[in-house]
PDB file of all heavy atoms in Angstrom:
ATOM      1  N   THR A   1      10.173  11.194  -3.802  1.00  0.00           N
ATOM      2  CA  THR A   1       9.920  12.508  -4.361  1.00  0.00           C
ATOM      3  C   THR A   1      11.107  12.878  -5.235  1.00  0.00           C
ATOM      4  O   THR A   1      12.251  12.789  -4.799  1.00  0.00           O
ATOM      5  CB  THR A   1       9.760  13.557  -3.242  1.00  0.00           C
ATOM      6  OG1 THR A   1       8.662  13.186  -2.425  1.00  0.00           O
ATOM      7  CG2 THR A   1       9.542  14.934  -3.800  1.00  0.00           C
ATOM      8  N   GLN A   2      10.805  13.252  -6.476  1.00  0.00           N
ATOM      9  CA  GLN A   2      11.843  13.711  -7.380  1.00  0.00           C
ATOM     10  C   GLN A   2      11.237  14.741  -8.320  1.00  0.00           C
ATOM     11  O   GLN A   2      10.132  14.545  -8.825  1.00  0.00           O
ATOM     12  CB  GLN A   2      12.445  12.565  -8.178  1.00  0.00           C
ATOM     13  CG  GLN A   2      13.629  13.000  -9.015  1.00  0.00           C
ATOM     14  CD  GLN A   2      14.350  11.822  -9.638  1.00  0.00           C
ATOM     15  OE1 GLN A   2      13.841  10.719  -9.701  1.00  0.00           O
ATOM     16  NE2 GLN A   2      15.549  12.065 -10.113  1.00  0.00           N
ATOM     17  N   ASP A   3      11.961  15.819  -8.506  1.00  0.00           N
ATOM     18  CA  ASP A   3      11.499  16.898  -9.383  1.00  0.00           C
ATOM     19  C   ASP A   3      10.113  17.403  -8.983  1.00  0.00           C
ATOM     20  O   ASP A   3       9.285  17.733  -9.822  1.00  0.00           O
ATOM     21  CB  ASP A   3      11.474  16.451 -10.848  1.00  0.00           C
ATOM     22  CG  ASP A   3      12.840  15.994 -11.339  1.00  0.00           C
ATOM     23  OD1 ASP A   3      13.844  16.598 -10.898  1.00  0.00           O
ATOM     24  OD2 ASP A   3      12.897  15.055 -12.142  1.00  0.00           O
ATOM     25  N   GLY A   4       9.853  17.414  -7.677  1.00  0.00           N
ATOM     26  CA  GLY A   4       8.584  17.923  -7.166  1.00  0.00           C
ATOM     27  C   GLY A   4       7.403  16.993  -7.335  1.00  0.00           C
ATOM     28  O   GLY A   4       6.273  17.369  -7.044  1.00  0.00           O
ATOM     29  N   LYS A   5       7.632  15.769  -7.788  1.00  0.00           N
ATOM     30  CA  LYS A   5       6.558  14.798  -7.966  1.00  0.00           C
ATOM     31  C   LYS A   5       6.746  13.639  -6.994  1.00  0.00           C
ATOM     32  O   LYS A   5       7.860  13.162  -6.802  1.00  0.00           O
ATOM     33  CB  LYS A   5       6.536  14.256  -9.389  1.00  0.00           C
ATOM     34  CG  LYS A   5       6.187  15.294 -10.422  1.00  0.00           C
ATOM     35  CD  LYS A   5       6.136  14.691 -11.797  1.00  0.00           C
ATOM     36  CE  LYS A   5       5.823  15.780 -12.817  1.00  0.00           C
ATOM     37  NZ  LYS A   5       5.881  15.306 -14.176  1.00  0.00           N
ATOM     38  N   ASN A   6       5.644  13.207  -6.404  1.00  0.00           N
ATOM     39  CA  ASN A   6       5.657  12.046  -5.510  1.00  0.00           C
ATOM     40  C   ASN A   6       5.293  10.814  -6.319  1.00  0.00           C
ATOM     41  O   ASN A   6       4.266  10.778  -6.981  1.00  0.00           O
ATOM     42  CB  ASN A   6       4.664  12.251  -4.375  1.00  0.00           C
ATOM     43  CG  ASN A   6       5.022  13.455  -3.544  1.00  0.00           C
ATOM     44  OD1 ASN A   6       6.152  13.603  -3.119  1.00  0.00           O
ATOM     45  ND2 ASN A   6       4.067  14.336  -3.328  1.00  0.00           N
ATOM     46  N   LYS A   7       6.164   9.797  -6.273  1.00  0.00           N
ATOM     47  CA  LYS A   7       5.976   8.607  -7.103  1.00  0.00           C
ATOM     48  C   LYS A   7       6.030   7.342  -6.261  1.00  0.00           C
ATOM     49  O   LYS A   7       6.811   7.250  -5.319  1.00  0.00           O
ATOM     50  CB  LYS A   7       7.064   8.531  -8.171  1.00  0.00           C
ATOM     51  CG  LYS A   7       7.062   9.693  -9.136  1.00  0.00           C
ATOM     52  CD  LYS A   7       8.188   9.569 -10.142  1.00  0.00           C
ATOM     53  CE  LYS A   7       8.210  10.788 -11.054  1.00  0.00           C
ATOM     54  NZ  LYS A   7       9.306  10.721 -12.016  1.00  0.00           N
ATOM     55  N   LEU A   8       5.207   6.380  -6.658  1.00  0.00           N
ATOM     56  CA  LEU A   8       5.243   5.041  -6.081  1.00  0.00           C
ATOM     57  C   LEU A   8       5.847   4.100  -7.106  1.00  0.00           C
ATOM     58  O   LEU A   8       5.471   4.139  -8.289  1.00  0.00           O
ATOM     59  CB  LEU A   8       3.826   4.531  -5.785  1.00  0.00           C
ATOM     60  CG  LEU A   8       3.062   5.156  -4.652  1.00  0.00           C
ATOM     61  CD1 LEU A   8       1.608   4.703  -4.710  1.00  0.00           C
ATOM     62  CD2 LEU A   8       3.670   4.778  -3.341  1.00  0.00           C
ATOM     63  N   LEU A   9       6.759   3.248  -6.678  1.00  0.00           N
ATOM     64  CA  LEU A   9       7.275   2.185  -7.527  1.00  0.00           C
ATOM     65  C   LEU A   9       6.804   0.884  -6.900  1.00  0.00           C
ATOM     66  O   LEU A   9       7.204   0.550  -5.779  1.00  0.00           O
ATOM     67  CB  LEU A   9       8.793   2.226  -7.620  1.00  0.00           C
ATOM     68  CG  LEU A   9       9.440   1.150  -8.484  1.00  0.00           C
ATOM     69  CD1 LEU A   9       8.958   1.271  -9.934  1.00  0.00           C
ATOM     70  CD2 LEU A   9      10.939   1.233  -8.426  1.00  0.00           C
ATOM     71  N   LEU A  10       5.933   0.176  -7.604  1.00  0.00           N
ATOM     72  CA  LEU A  10       5.331  -1.026  -7.055  1.00  0.00           C
ATOM     73  C   LEU A  10       6.099  -2.273  -7.459  1.00  0.00           C
ATOM     74  O   LEU A  10       6.959  -2.234  -8.329  1.00  0.00           O
ATOM     75  CB  LEU A  10       3.867  -1.111  -7.513  1.00  0.00           C
ATOM     76  CG  LEU A  10       3.010   0.098  -7.114  1.00  0.00           C
ATOM     77  CD1 LEU A  10       1.602  -0.056  -7.659  1.00  0.00           C
ATOM     78  CD2 LEU A  10       2.986   0.297  -5.609  1.00  0.00           C
ATOM     79  N   GLN A  11       5.779  -3.388  -6.810  1.00  0.00           N
ATOM     80  CA  GLN A  11       6.485  -4.648  -7.026  1.00  0.00           C
ATOM     81  C   GLN A  11       6.477  -5.074  -8.493  1.00  0.00           C
ATOM     82  O   GLN A  11       7.449  -5.619  -8.987  1.00  0.00           O
ATOM     83  CB  GLN A  11       5.870  -5.746  -6.147  1.00  0.00           C
ATOM     84  CG  GLN A  11       6.452  -7.123  -6.348  1.00  0.00           C
ATOM     85  CD  GLN A  11       7.927  -7.227  -6.032  1.00  0.00           C
ATOM     86  OE1 GLN A  11       8.444  -6.513  -5.196  1.00  0.00           O
ATOM     87  NE2 GLN A  11       8.621  -8.119  -6.715  1.00  0.00           N
ATOM     88  N   ASP A  12       5.403  -4.793  -9.196  1.00  0.00           N
ATOM     89  CA  ASP A  12       5.332  -5.188 -10.610  1.00  0.00           C
ATOM     90  C   ASP A  12       6.076  -4.209 -11.518  1.00  0.00           C
ATOM     91  O   ASP A  12       5.959  -4.265 -12.735  1.00  0.00           O
ATOM     92  CB  ASP A  12       3.883  -5.337 -11.067  1.00  0.00           C
ATOM     93  CG  ASP A  12       3.105  -4.023 -11.011  1.00  0.00           C
ATOM     94  OD1 ASP A  12       3.703  -2.966 -10.721  1.00  0.00           O
ATOM     95  OD2 ASP A  12       1.894  -4.064 -11.258  1.00  0.00           O
ATOM     96  N   GLU A  13       6.842  -3.311 -10.905  1.00  0.00           N
ATOM     97  CA  GLU A  13       7.672  -2.313 -11.574  1.00  0.00           C
ATOM     98  C   GLU A  13       6.870  -1.197 -12.229  1.00  0.00           C
ATOM     99  O   GLU A  13       7.409  -0.401 -12.990  1.00  0.00           O
ATOM    100  CB  GLU A  13       8.637  -2.965 -12.576  1.00  0.00           C
ATOM    101  CG  GLU A  13       9.616  -3.909 -11.903  1.00  0.00           C
ATOM    102  CD  GLU A  13      10.622  -4.523 -12.854  1.00  0.00           C
ATOM    103  OE1 GLU A  13      10.761  -4.055 -13.996  1.00  0.00           O
ATOM    104  OE2 GLU A  13      11.286  -5.484 -12.429  1.00  0.00           O
ATOM    105  N   SER A  14       5.572  -1.134 -11.924  1.00  0.00           N
ATOM    106  CA  SER A  14       4.791  -0.003 -12.414  1.00  0.00           C
ATOM    107  C   SER A  14       5.077   1.212 -11.528  1.00  0.00           C
ATOM    108  O   SER A  14       5.456   1.077 -10.367  1.00  0.00           O
ATOM    109  CB  SER A  14       3.296  -0.328 -12.417  1.00  0.00           C
ATOM    110  OG  SER A  14       2.835  -0.578 -11.106  1.00  0.00           O
ATOM    111  N   GLU A  15       4.917   2.366 -12.120  1.00  0.00           N
ATOM    112  CA  GLU A  15       5.171   3.617 -11.406  1.00  0.00           C
ATOM    113  C   GLU A  15       3.885   4.436 -11.413  1.00  0.00           C
ATOM    114  O   GLU A  15       3.248   4.583 -12.450  1.00  0.00           O
ATOM    115  CB  GLU A  15       6.289   4.380 -12.104  1.00  0.00           C
ATOM    116  CG  GLU A  15       6.802   5.540 -11.309  1.00  0.00           C
ATOM    117  CD  GLU A  15       8.009   6.179 -11.975  1.00  0.00           C
ATOM    118  OE1 GLU A  15       9.099   5.584 -11.906  1.00  0.00           O
ATOM    119  OE2 GLU A  15       7.834   7.261 -12.565  1.00  0.00           O
ATOM    120  N   ILE A  16       3.516   4.937 -10.249  1.00  0.00           N
ATOM    121  CA  ILE A  16       2.283   5.695 -10.097  1.00  0.00           C
ATOM    122  C   ILE A  16       2.613   7.058  -9.510  1.00  0.00           C
ATOM    123  O   ILE A  16       3.389   7.152  -8.559  1.00  0.00           O
ATOM    124  CB  ILE A  16       1.309   4.965  -9.141  1.00  0.00           C
ATOM    125  CG1 ILE A  16       0.898   3.610  -9.710  1.00  0.00           C
ATOM    126  CG2 ILE A  16       0.084   5.817  -8.850  1.00  0.00           C
ATOM    127  CD1 ILE A  16       0.065   2.772  -8.755  1.00  0.00           C
ATOM    128  N   ILE A  17       2.033   8.106 -10.070  1.00  0.00           N
ATOM    129  CA  ILE A  17       2.148   9.430  -9.460  1.00  0.00           C
ATOM    130  C   ILE A  17       1.259   9.412  -8.214  1.00  0.00           C
ATOM    131  O   ILE A  17       0.058   9.137  -8.303  1.00  0.00           O
ATOM    132  CB  ILE A  17       1.718  10.550 -10.428  1.00  0.00           C
ATOM    133  CG1 ILE A  17       2.587  10.532 -11.685  1.00  0.00           C
ATOM    134  CG2 ILE A  17       1.769  11.911  -9.734  1.00  0.00           C
ATOM    135  CD1 ILE A  17       4.063  10.792 -11.453  1.00  0.00           C
ATOM    136  N   ALA A  18       1.834   9.690  -7.067  1.00  0.00           N
ATOM    137  CA  ALA A  18       1.146   9.505  -5.788  1.00  0.00           C
ATOM    138  C   ALA A  18       0.422  10.749  -5.291  1.00  0.00           C
ATOM    139  O   ALA A  18      -0.239  10.701  -4.263  1.00  0.00           O
ATOM    140  CB  ALA A  18       2.162   9.046  -4.738  1.00  0.00           C
ATOM    141  N   ASP A  19       0.528  11.847  -6.011  1.00  0.00           N
ATOM    142  CA  ASP A  19      -0.019  13.111  -5.522  1.00  0.00           C
ATOM    143  C   ASP A  19      -1.522  13.072  -5.270  1.00  0.00           C
ATOM    144  O   ASP A  19      -2.021  13.795  -4.418  1.00  0.00           O
ATOM    145  CB  ASP A  19       0.302  14.249  -6.486  1.00  0.00           C
ATOM    146  CG  ASP A  19       1.792  14.543  -6.556  1.00  0.00           C
ATOM    147  OD1 ASP A  19       2.501  14.260  -5.571  1.00  0.00           O
ATOM    148  OD2 ASP A  19       2.243  15.034  -7.601  1.00  0.00           O
ATOM    149  N   GLN A  20      -2.260  12.243  -5.998  1.00  0.00           N
ATOM    150  CA  GLN A  20      -3.707  12.230  -5.839  1.00  0.00           C
ATOM    151  C   GLN A  20      -4.179  11.302  -4.719  1.00  0.00           C
ATOM    152  O   GLN A  20      -5.370  11.212  -4.456  1.00  0.00           O
ATOM    153  CB  GLN A  20      -4.414  11.860  -7.153  1.00  0.00           C
ATOM    154  CG  GLN A  20      -4.273  10.395  -7.546  1.00  0.00           C
ATOM    155  CD  GLN A  20      -3.167  10.150  -8.537  1.00  0.00           C
ATOM    156  OE1 GLN A  20      -2.238  10.939  -8.674  1.00  0.00           O
ATOM    157  NE2 GLN A  20      -3.249   9.052  -9.257  1.00  0.00           N
ATOM    158  N   TYR A  21      -3.249  10.605  -4.040  1.00  0.00           N
ATOM    159  CA  TYR A  21      -3.608   9.659  -2.992  1.00  0.00           C
ATOM    160  C   TYR A  21      -3.297  10.233  -1.609  1.00  0.00           C
ATOM    161  O   TYR A  21      -2.325  10.961  -1.435  1.00  0.00           O
ATOM    162  CB  TYR A  21      -2.849   8.338  -3.172  1.00  0.00           C
ATOM    163  CG  TYR A  21      -3.176   7.634  -4.456  1.00  0.00           C
ATOM    164  CD1 TYR A  21      -2.307   7.680  -5.528  1.00  0.00           C
ATOM    165  CD2 TYR A  21      -4.369   6.936  -4.600  1.00  0.00           C
ATOM    166  CE1 TYR A  21      -2.611   7.034  -6.724  1.00  0.00           C
ATOM    167  CE2 TYR A  21      -4.684   6.297  -5.788  1.00  0.00           C
ATOM    168  CZ  TYR A  21      -3.792   6.344  -6.847  1.00  0.00           C
ATOM    169  OH  TYR A  21      -4.088   5.718  -8.024  1.00  0.00           O
ATOM    170  N   THR A  22      -4.092   9.831  -0.622  1.00  0.00           N
ATOM    171  CA  THR A  22      -3.819  10.202   0.765  1.00  0.00           C
ATOM    172  C   THR A  22      -2.742   9.277   1.315  1.00  0.00           C
ATOM    173  O   THR A  22      -2.455   8.216   0.732  1.00  0.00           O
ATOM    174  CB  THR A  22      -5.081  10.073   1.638  1.00  0.00           C
ATOM    175  OG1 THR A  22      -5.445   8.679   1.718  1.00  0.00           O
ATOM    176  CG2 THR A  22      -6.242  10.900   1.087  1.00  0.00           C
ATOM    177  N   SER A  23      -2.179   9.635   2.450  1.00  0.00           N
ATOM    178  CA  SER A  23      -1.185   8.772   3.098  1.00  0.00           C
ATOM    179  C   SER A  23      -1.776   7.411   3.424  1.00  0.00           C
ATOM    180  O   SER A  23      -1.125   6.386   3.232  1.00  0.00           O
ATOM    181  CB  SER A  23      -0.667   9.425   4.383  1.00  0.00           C
ATOM    182  OG  SER A  23       0.126  10.533   4.068  1.00  0.00           O
ATOM    183  N   ASP A  24      -3.018   7.383   3.907  1.00  0.00           N
ATOM    184  CA  ASP A  24      -3.665   6.112   4.228  1.00  0.00           C
ATOM    185  C   ASP A  24      -3.828   5.234   2.987  1.00  0.00           C
ATOM    186  O   ASP A  24      -3.633   4.019   3.055  1.00  0.00           O
ATOM    187  CB  ASP A  24      -5.030   6.339   4.887  1.00  0.00           C
ATOM    188  CG  ASP A  24      -4.908   6.842   6.319  1.00  0.00           C
ATOM    189  OD1 ASP A  24      -3.838   6.671   6.935  1.00  0.00           O
ATOM    190  OD2 ASP A  24      -5.903   7.410   6.817  1.00  0.00           O
ATOM    191  N   GLU A  25      -4.172   5.834   1.868  1.00  0.00           N
ATOM    192  CA  GLU A  25      -4.322   5.067   0.630  1.00  0.00           C
ATOM    193  C   GLU A  25      -2.981   4.503   0.164  1.00  0.00           C
ATOM    194  O   GLU A  25      -2.900   3.349  -0.269  1.00  0.00           O
ATOM    195  CB  GLU A  25      -4.928   5.942  -0.472  1.00  0.00           C
ATOM    196  CG  GLU A  25      -6.388   6.282  -0.244  1.00  0.00           C
ATOM    197  CD  GLU A  25      -6.922   7.311  -1.227  1.00  0.00           C
ATOM    198  OE1 GLU A  25      -6.174   8.241  -1.622  1.00  0.00           O
ATOM    199  OE2 GLU A  25      -8.095   7.183  -1.607  1.00  0.00           O
ATOM    200  N   ILE A  26      -1.936   5.293   0.269  1.00  0.00           N
ATOM    201  CA  ILE A  26      -0.599   4.832  -0.142  1.00  0.00           C
ATOM    202  C   ILE A  26      -0.124   3.715   0.766  1.00  0.00           C
ATOM    203  O   ILE A  26       0.383   2.686   0.301  1.00  0.00           O
ATOM    204  CB  ILE A  26       0.398   6.003  -0.157  1.00  0.00           C
ATOM    205  CG1 ILE A  26       0.009   7.002  -1.262  1.00  0.00           C
ATOM    206  CG2 ILE A  26       1.828   5.496  -0.356  1.00  0.00           C
ATOM    207  CD1 ILE A  26       0.747   8.319  -1.196  1.00  0.00           C
ATOM    208  N   ILE A  27      -0.298   3.885   2.054  1.00  0.00           N
ATOM    209  CA  ILE A  27       0.097   2.834   3.002  1.00  0.00           C
ATOM    210  C   ILE A  27      -0.714   1.572   2.733  1.00  0.00           C
ATOM    211  O   ILE A  27      -0.185   0.462   2.780  1.00  0.00           O
ATOM    212  CB  ILE A  27      -0.032   3.335   4.455  1.00  0.00           C
ATOM    213  CG1 ILE A  27       1.068   4.369   4.717  1.00  0.00           C
ATOM    214  CG2 ILE A  27       0.044   2.174   5.436  1.00  0.00           C
ATOM    215  CD1 ILE A  27       0.951   5.112   6.023  1.00  0.00           C
ATOM    216  N   GLY A  28      -1.992   1.729   2.395  1.00  0.00           N
ATOM    217  CA  GLY A  28      -2.824   0.581   2.036  1.00  0.00           C
ATOM    218  C   GLY A  28      -2.280  -0.139   0.813  1.00  0.00           C
ATOM    219  O   GLY A  28      -2.287  -1.380   0.753  1.00  0.00           O
ATOM    220  N   MET A  29      -1.797   0.617  -0.176  1.00  0.00           N
ATOM    221  CA  MET A  29      -1.186   0.012  -1.363  1.00  0.00           C
ATOM    222  C   MET A  29       0.061  -0.770  -0.981  1.00  0.00           C
ATOM    223  O   MET A  29       0.291  -1.871  -1.496  1.00  0.00           O
ATOM    224  CB  MET A  29      -0.820   1.076  -2.390  1.00  0.00           C
ATOM    225  CG  MET A  29      -1.987   1.670  -3.120  1.00  0.00           C
ATOM    226  SD  MET A  29      -1.368   2.854  -4.364  1.00  0.00           S
ATOM    227  CE  MET A  29      -2.614   4.105  -4.271  1.00  0.00           C
ATOM    228  N   PHE A  30       0.876  -0.219  -0.091  1.00  0.00           N
ATOM    229  CA  PHE A  30       2.076  -0.915   0.358  1.00  0.00           C
ATOM    230  C   PHE A  30       1.695  -2.224   1.043  1.00  0.00           C
ATOM    231  O   PHE A  30       2.290  -3.272   0.780  1.00  0.00           O
ATOM    232  CB  PHE A  30       2.890  -0.032   1.306  1.00  0.00           C
ATOM    233  CG  PHE A  30       3.906   0.822   0.618  1.00  0.00           C
ATOM    234  CD1 PHE A  30       3.543   1.689  -0.390  1.00  0.00           C
ATOM    235  CD2 PHE A  30       5.231   0.768   0.991  1.00  0.00           C
ATOM    236  CE1 PHE A  30       4.493   2.480  -1.032  1.00  0.00           C
ATOM    237  CE2 PHE A  30       6.186   1.554   0.364  1.00  0.00           C
ATOM    238  CZ  PHE A  30       5.820   2.400  -0.642  1.00  0.00           C
ATOM    239  N   ILE A  31       0.706  -2.172   1.918  1.00  0.00           N
ATOM    240  CA  ILE A  31       0.248  -3.375   2.629  1.00  0.00           C
ATOM    241  C   ILE A  31      -0.235  -4.415   1.627  1.00  0.00           C
ATOM    242  O   ILE A  31       0.129  -5.595   1.718  1.00  0.00           O
ATOM    243  CB  ILE A  31      -0.847  -3.012   3.652  1.00  0.00           C
ATOM    244  CG1 ILE A  31      -0.233  -2.212   4.813  1.00  0.00           C
ATOM    245  CG2 ILE A  31      -1.562  -4.266   4.169  1.00  0.00           C
ATOM    246  CD1 ILE A  31      -1.244  -1.571   5.740  1.00  0.00           C
ATOM    247  N   ASP A  32      -1.051  -3.998   0.669  1.00  0.00           N
ATOM    248  CA  ASP A  32      -1.556  -4.923  -0.352  1.00  0.00           C
ATOM    249  C   ASP A  32      -0.418  -5.541  -1.151  1.00  0.00           C
ATOM    250  O   ASP A  32      -0.430  -6.748  -1.423  1.00  0.00           O
ATOM    251  CB  ASP A  32      -2.519  -4.209  -1.302  1.00  0.00           C
ATOM    252  CG  ASP A  32      -3.827  -3.814  -0.641  1.00  0.00           C
ATOM    253  OD1 ASP A  32      -4.132  -4.322   0.465  1.00  0.00           O
ATOM    254  OD2 ASP A  32      -4.538  -2.967  -1.228  1.00  0.00           O
ATOM    255  N   GLN A  33       0.571  -4.730  -1.533  1.00  0.00           N
ATOM    256  CA  GLN A  33       1.706  -5.231  -2.306  1.00  0.00           C
ATOM    257  C   GLN A  33       2.508  -6.267  -1.509  1.00  0.00           C
ATOM    258  O   GLN A  33       2.902  -7.298  -2.048  1.00  0.00           O
ATOM    259  CB  GLN A  33       2.627  -4.074  -2.699  1.00  0.00           C
ATOM    260  CG  GLN A  33       2.046  -3.143  -3.734  1.00  0.00           C
ATOM    261  CD  GLN A  33       2.197  -3.705  -5.136  1.00  0.00           C
ATOM    262  OE1 GLN A  33       3.295  -3.937  -5.603  1.00  0.00           O
ATOM    263  NE2 GLN A  33       1.087  -3.928  -5.796  1.00  0.00           N
TER     264      GLN A  33
END
């Protein structure tokens, strides 16, 4: 979280705004990565 925005930084160095995802969806992305 920075500047009020939740962000994901993935292995391929892409950055995703995480606000539209649920915790389960984000954890699923981590597992997939």
